[in-house]
Protein backbone atom coordinates (compact mmCIF):
# COMPACT_ATOMS: atom_id res chain seq x y z
CA MET A 1 0.00 0.00 0.00
CA GLN A 2 1.49 3.31 -1.06
CA VAL A 3 0.86 6.22 1.27
CA ALA A 4 1.02 9.85 0.21
CA PRO A 5 3.97 11.45 2.04
CA GLU A 6 1.82 14.41 3.07
CA ALA A 7 -0.46 12.01 5.00
CA ILE A 8 2.41 11.13 7.34
CA GLU A 9 3.71 13.22 10.21
CA ASP A 10 6.99 12.29 11.84
CA SER A 11 9.76 13.76 13.95
CA HIS A 12 12.43 12.77 16.46
CA GLU A 13 10.41 14.02 19.41
CA PRO A 14 6.67 13.76 19.89
CA PRO A 15 4.87 17.06 19.32
CA ALA A 16 2.75 18.72 21.97
CA HIS A 17 -0.42 17.56 20.18
CA CYS A 18 0.46 13.85 20.27
CA HIS A 19 -1.57 11.23 22.12
CA PRO A 20 -1.03 11.26 25.93
CA LYS A 21 0.17 7.62 25.89
CA ILE A 22 2.91 8.59 23.43
CA HIS A 23 3.99 11.43 25.73
CA GLU A 24 3.96 9.06 28.69
CA ALA A 25 6.22 6.59 26.85
CA TYR A 26 8.65 9.30 25.74
CA ASP A 27 8.78 10.88 29.20
CA TYR A 28 9.46 7.45 30.73
CA TRP A 29 12.31 6.83 28.25
CA LEU A 30 13.80 10.22 29.18
CA ARG A 31 13.52 9.38 32.90
CA ILE A 32 15.38 6.07 32.52
CA HIS A 33 18.00 7.65 30.26
CA PRO A 34 21.40 7.44 31.97
CA PRO A 35 23.61 10.55 32.09
CA LYS A 36 25.86 9.02 29.43
CA GLY A 37 24.72 6.85 26.53
CA LEU A 38 21.33 5.33 25.79
CA PRO A 39 19.11 3.49 28.23
CA GLY A 40 19.13 -0.29 27.90
CA ARG A 41 16.79 -3.13 28.70
CA GLN A 42 18.29 -3.16 32.20
CA HIS A 43 16.79 0.31 32.78
CA PHE A 44 13.35 -0.56 31.40
CA GLU A 45 10.96 -1.89 34.04
CA PRO A 46 7.54 -2.75 32.55
CA THR A 47 5.82 -2.40 35.94
CA ASP A 48 6.74 1.32 35.86
CA ILE A 49 4.35 1.86 32.94
CA PRO A 50 1.29 -0.35 33.58
CA SER A 51 -1.04 1.89 31.57
CA LEU A 52 1.13 1.42 28.47
CA LEU A 53 1.73 -2.34 28.54
CA ARG A 54 -1.04 -3.28 26.11
CA HIS A 55 0.43 -0.74 23.65
CA VAL A 56 4.07 -1.93 23.92
CA ARG A 57 6.11 -3.89 21.42
CA LEU A 58 9.72 -4.68 22.23
CA LEU A 59 11.88 -5.72 19.29
CA ASP A 60 15.28 -7.39 19.40
CA VAL A 61 17.69 -5.98 16.83
CA GLU A 62 19.86 -8.68 15.27
CA GLY A 63 22.71 -8.50 12.76
CA THR A 64 23.86 -6.12 10.10
CA PRO A 65 21.82 -5.00 8.30
CA PRO A 66 19.44 -5.07 11.25
CA ARG A 67 16.67 -7.64 11.44
CA PHE A 68 13.83 -7.17 13.91
CA LYS A 69 12.43 -9.95 16.09
CA VAL A 70 9.37 -9.57 18.36
CA ARG A 71 10.45 -10.10 21.96
CA VAL A 72 7.37 -8.74 23.75
CA ILE A 73 4.03 -7.85 22.24
CA GLY A 74 1.19 -6.07 24.01
CA THR A 75 -2.39 -7.28 23.85
CA GLN A 76 -3.37 -4.37 21.59
CA TYR A 77 -1.17 -5.89 18.87
CA THR A 78 -2.27 -9.51 19.38
CA GLU A 79 -5.93 -8.48 19.28
CA ARG A 80 -5.41 -6.71 15.97
CA LEU A 81 -3.25 -9.43 14.42
CA GLY A 82 -5.36 -12.25 15.76
CA HIS A 83 -2.40 -14.17 17.19
CA ASP A 84 0.71 -13.81 19.34
CA THR A 85 3.79 -12.91 17.30
CA THR A 86 6.37 -13.30 20.08
CA GLY A 87 9.54 -14.77 18.59
CA CYS A 88 8.64 -13.87 14.99
CA TYR A 89 10.68 -11.69 12.67
CA LEU A 90 8.89 -8.69 11.18
CA ASP A 91 10.13 -9.59 7.69
CA GLU A 92 8.37 -12.96 8.03
CA LEU A 93 5.16 -11.42 9.39
CA PHE A 94 4.68 -8.67 6.83
CA GLU A 95 5.20 -9.22 3.12
CA GLY A 96 7.26 -6.37 1.70
CA PHE A 97 8.58 -5.30 5.11
CA ASP A 98 12.21 -5.03 3.96
CA GLY A 99 12.55 -1.74 2.11
CA SER A 100 9.22 -0.42 3.41
CA ARG A 101 8.81 2.90 5.22
CA PHE A 102 8.25 0.97 8.47
CA HIS A 103 11.54 -0.89 7.97
CA SER A 104 13.45 2.30 7.12
CA VAL A 105 12.10 4.03 10.26
CA LEU A 106 13.32 1.17 12.48
CA VAL A 107 16.71 1.16 10.75
CA ASP A 108 16.93 4.94 11.31
CA VAL A 109 16.25 4.43 15.05
CA VAL A 110 19.03 1.83 15.20
CA GLU A 111 21.62 3.63 13.11
CA ASN A 112 21.04 7.16 14.43
CA LYS A 113 20.31 6.11 18.04
CA ARG A 114 17.35 8.42 18.41
CA PRO A 115 13.58 8.11 18.80
CA ILE A 116 11.14 8.54 15.96
CA TRP A 117 7.52 9.60 16.44
CA ARG A 118 5.09 8.96 13.60
CA ARG A 119 1.40 9.42 12.89
CA GLY A 120 -0.18 8.26 9.66
CA PRO A 121 -2.12 5.58 7.81
CA LEU A 122 -1.65 1.91 8.58
CA GLN A 123 0.36 -0.09 6.06
CA TRP A 124 -0.37 -3.73 6.78
CA PHE A 125 -3.07 -4.95 9.10
CA CYS A 126 -6.43 -3.69 10.36
CA THR A 127 -6.63 -1.10 7.61
CA GLU A 128 -10.39 -1.66 7.41
CA GLN A 129 -10.89 -1.13 11.18
CA TYR A 130 -8.48 1.69 11.92
CA SER A 131 -7.68 4.74 9.86
CA SER A 132 -4.32 5.56 11.37
CA VAL A 133 -1.71 4.80 13.97
CA GLU A 134 0.40 7.02 16.17
CA ARG A 135 3.59 5.52 17.53
CA ILE A 136 6.96 6.24 18.98
CA HIS A 137 10.02 4.04 18.50
CA LEU A 138 12.58 4.38 21.30
CA PRO A 139 16.12 2.96 21.06
CA LEU A 140 17.54 0.80 23.85
CA ALA A 141 21.21 -0.18 24.10
CA ARG A 142 22.47 -2.57 26.78
CA ASP A 143 25.99 -1.13 26.42
CA GLY A 144 24.70 2.46 26.09
CA GLU A 145 25.94 2.69 22.49
CA THR A 146 24.80 -0.14 20.21
CA VAL A 147 21.03 -0.25 19.78
CA ASP A 148 19.99 -3.84 20.43
CA MET A 149 16.29 -3.27 21.11
CA VAL A 150 13.53 -0.93 19.96
CA LEU A 151 10.71 -0.14 22.35
CA THR A 152 7.58 0.91 20.47
CA VAL A 153 4.34 2.29 21.86
CA SER A 154 1.44 2.51 19.42
CA VAL A 155 -2.06 3.94 19.61
CA TYR A 156 -4.53 2.98 16.87
CA GLN A 157 -7.24 5.41 15.81
CA GLU A 158 -10.57 4.65 14.17
């Protein structure tokens, strides 16, 4: 599905008008951010953000070029997909994932070590139920430098 570029909003920080759950996720990431380097999985405590858990997807980043594997998936995702995708690679779940805008955004998060906020039309699933999605992708790095996980919080809109 091709999406008109003007239908997509994105930036490296969520704007003031973003969904409150997106702000909550970003603020939490900033709070766990160590003074030097990026936060890692060791800083992320899911029980600190109970209101976000159903909206969370945690991806492992493997190899070069990066490949993305679902480590944790919130119930919001499993309800929309119809099954649990824990342990699956995104390129196996979504035909055309490699080279897609979604793939390039995740690669940007990994390579540039910075968050990306996005709001726009859905590309793959639930396109008949939901008109758009708002999400933030947040980099995590166990060593503070090399992004080895991407924490995503998404909010679907009808």
